[in-house]
C-alpha atoms as a PDB file:
ATOM      1  CA  MET A   1       8.108  22.087  38.129  1.00  0.00           C
ATOM      2  CA  TYR A   2       4.727  23.676  37.526  1.00  0.00           C
ATOM      3  CA  LEU A   3       5.514  24.046  33.816  1.00  0.00           C
ATOM      4  CA  CYS A   4       6.356  20.336  33.645  1.00  0.00           C
ATOM      5  CA  ARG A   5       2.988  19.468  35.204  1.00  0.00           C
ATOM      6  CA  VAL A   6       1.113  21.677  32.766  1.00  0.00           C
ATOM      7  CA  ILE A   7       2.940  20.368  29.705  1.00  0.00           C
ATOM      8  CA  LEU A   8       2.701  16.675  30.639  1.00  0.00           C
ATOM      9  CA  GLY A   9      -0.768  16.893  32.137  1.00  0.00           C
ATOM     10  CA  LEU A  10      -2.637  19.254  29.852  1.00  0.00           C
ATOM     11  CA  VAL A  11      -0.718  19.742  26.618  1.00  0.00           C
ATOM     12  CA  ALA A  12       0.421  16.151  26.094  1.00  0.00           C
ATOM     13  CA  VAL A  13      -3.058  14.616  26.289  1.00  0.00           C
ATOM     14  CA  PRO A  14      -4.459  16.226  23.092  1.00  0.00           C
ATOM     15  CA  VAL A  15      -1.199  15.477  21.279  1.00  0.00           C
ATOM     16  CA  ILE A  16      -1.357  11.830  22.383  1.00  0.00           C
ATOM     17  CA  MET A  17      -5.020  11.532  21.407  1.00  0.00           C
ATOM     18  CA  PHE A  18      -4.371  13.074  17.989  1.00  0.00           C
ATOM     19  CA  GLY A  19      -1.424  10.713  17.470  1.00  0.00           C
ATOM     20  CA  ILE A  20      -3.509   7.664  18.382  1.00  0.00           C
ATOM     21  CA  LEU A  21      -6.281   8.759  16.026  1.00  0.00           C
ATOM     22  CA  ALA A  22      -3.798   9.380  13.192  1.00  0.00           C
ATOM     23  CA  ASN A  23      -2.075   6.023  13.728  1.00  0.00           C
ATOM     24  CA  VAL A  24      -5.354   4.110  13.792  1.00  0.00           C
ATOM     25  CA  THR A  25      -6.344   5.853  10.553  1.00  0.00           C
ATOM     26  CA  SER A  26      -2.987   4.937   9.008  1.00  0.00           C
ATOM     27  CA  MET A  27      -3.356   1.301  10.065  1.00  0.00           C
ATOM     28  CA  ARG A  28      -6.815   1.204   8.550  1.00  0.00           C
ATOM     29  CA  ILE A  29      -5.554   2.652   5.267  1.00  0.00           C
ATOM     30  CA  PHE A  30      -2.444   0.459   5.027  1.00  0.00           C
ATOM     31  CA  THR A  31      -4.360  -2.748   5.746  1.00  0.00           C
ATOM     32  CA  ASN A  32      -7.051  -1.975   3.189  1.00  0.00           C
ATOM     33  CA  ARG A  33      -7.661  -4.707   0.609  1.00  0.00           C
ATOM     34  CA  ILE A  34      -6.192  -2.603  -2.198  1.00  0.00           C
ATOM     35  CA  MET A  35      -3.156  -1.413  -0.228  1.00  0.00           C
ATOM     36  CA  SER A  36      -2.301  -4.678   1.522  1.00  0.00           C
ATOM     37  CA  GLY A  37      -0.635  -6.226  -1.510  1.00  0.00           C
ATOM     38  CA  SER A  38       2.637  -4.376  -1.007  1.00  0.00           C
ATOM     39  CA  SER A  39       5.055  -5.366   1.748  1.00  0.00           C
ATOM     40  CA  ILE A  40       5.953  -1.733   2.460  1.00  0.00           C
ATOM     41  CA  ASN A  41       2.335  -1.062   3.406  1.00  0.00           C
ATOM     42  CA  TRP A  42       2.418  -3.902   5.920  1.00  0.00           C
ATOM     43  CA  TYR A  43       5.630  -2.466   7.341  1.00  0.00           C
ATOM     44  CA  LEU A  44       3.978   0.948   7.688  1.00  0.00           C
ATOM     45  CA  ALA A  45       0.898  -0.615   9.301  1.00  0.00           C
ATOM     46  CA  VAL A  46       3.046  -2.411  11.889  1.00  0.00           C
ATOM     47  CA  LEU A  47       4.980   0.811  12.464  1.00  0.00           C
ATOM     48  CA  SER A  48       1.697   2.638  13.100  1.00  0.00           C
ATOM     49  CA  ALA A  49       0.625  -0.082  15.525  1.00  0.00           C
ATOM     50  CA  SER A  50       3.884   0.157  17.475  1.00  0.00           C
ATOM     51  CA  ASP A  51       3.612   3.955  17.570  1.00  0.00           C
ATOM     52  CA  THR A  52       0.100   3.588  18.965  1.00  0.00           C
ATOM     53  CA  LEU A  53       1.377   1.329  21.742  1.00  0.00           C
ATOM     54  CA  ILE A  54       4.109   3.853  22.546  1.00  0.00           C
ATOM     55  CA  LEU A  55       1.556   6.671  22.725  1.00  0.00           C
ATOM     56  CA  VAL A  56      -0.750   4.664  24.976  1.00  0.00           C
ATOM     57  CA  SER A  57       2.142   3.810  27.292  1.00  0.00           C
ATOM     58  CA  ALA A  58       3.243   7.473  27.266  1.00  0.00           C
ATOM     59  CA  PHE A  59      -0.228   8.415  28.435  1.00  0.00           C
ATOM     60  CA  PHE A  60      -0.095   5.961  31.332  1.00  0.00           C
ATOM     61  CA  VAL A  61       3.470   6.833  32.300  1.00  0.00           C
ATOM     62  CA  LEU A  62       3.566  10.604  31.750  1.00  0.00           C
ATOM     63  CA  SER A  63       0.082  12.091  31.785  1.00  0.00           C
ATOM     64  CA  LEU A  64      -1.895   9.889  34.135  1.00  0.00           C
ATOM     65  CA  PRO A  65       0.338  10.535  37.183  1.00  0.00           C
ATOM     66  CA  ARG A  66      -0.006  14.274  36.521  1.00  0.00           C
ATOM     67  CA  PHE A  67      -3.769  13.913  36.732  1.00  0.00           C
ATOM     68  CA  GLY A  68      -3.228  12.330  40.147  1.00  0.00           C
ATOM     69  CA  GLU A  69      -1.419  15.450  41.286  1.00  0.00           C
ATOM     70  CA  TYR A  70      -4.443  17.576  40.440  1.00  0.00           C
ATOM     71  CA  LEU A  71      -7.263  15.253  41.446  1.00  0.00           C
ATOM     72  CA  THR A  72      -7.239  14.147  45.064  1.00  0.00           C
ATOM     73  CA  TRP A  73      -9.817  11.387  44.549  1.00  0.00           C
ATOM     74  CA  TRP A  74      -7.666   9.803  41.813  1.00  0.00           C
ATOM     75  CA  ARG A  75      -4.748   8.760  44.042  1.00  0.00           C
ATOM     76  CA  ALA A  76      -6.510   5.853  45.713  1.00  0.00           C
ATOM     77  CA  ASN A  77      -7.757   4.508  42.390  1.00  0.00           C
ATOM     78  CA  TYR A  78      -4.318   4.972  40.826  1.00  0.00           C
ATOM     79  CA  ILE A  79      -2.627   3.018  43.614  1.00  0.00           C
ATOM     80  CA  ARG A  80      -5.124   0.174  43.181  1.00  0.00           C
ATOM     81  CA  PHE A  81      -4.560   0.259  39.398  1.00  0.00           C
ATOM     82  CA  VAL A  82      -0.770   0.126  39.779  1.00  0.00           C
ATOM     83  CA  SER A  83      -0.974  -2.758  42.255  1.00  0.00           C
ATOM     84  CA  LEU A  84      -3.294  -4.613  39.871  1.00  0.00           C
ATOM     85  CA  LEU A  85      -0.803  -4.109  37.023  1.00  0.00           C
ATOM     86  CA  ARG A  86       2.003  -5.291  39.278  1.00  0.00           C
ATOM     87  CA  HIS A  87       0.112  -8.510  40.105  1.00  0.00           C
ATOM     88  CA  VAL A  88      -0.645  -9.132  36.432  1.00  0.00           C
ATOM     89  CA  ALA A  89       2.992  -8.522  35.458  1.00  0.00           C
ATOM     90  CA  CYS A  90       4.257 -10.832  38.198  1.00  0.00           C
ATOM     91  CA  SER A  91       1.875 -13.592  37.166  1.00  0.00           C
ATOM     92  CA  ILE A  92       3.005 -13.324  33.549  1.00  0.00           C
ATOM     93  CA  TYR A  93       6.738 -13.522  34.311  1.00  0.00           C
ATOM     94  CA  VAL A  94       6.500 -16.257  36.943  1.00  0.00           C
END
């Protein structure tokens, strides 16, 4: 259990940040004026964008709750954040 907290809380964050930085760089390269003429480059740019969204959601789902286990002041803010997301999601689907 402790190993899971360390891996998801401490090790995953630099990996996620590096992945986001690499994907943003890839999107910037693939959507460049010279590179944007080919359809495969647009496919790779969209793939990089979707990977970025997956990494951001992995941060919120995996790493952020682990920070709440370590930081006692974070729990109240996290509960408010989750309830805010729940209200936004309910208003979108209604």
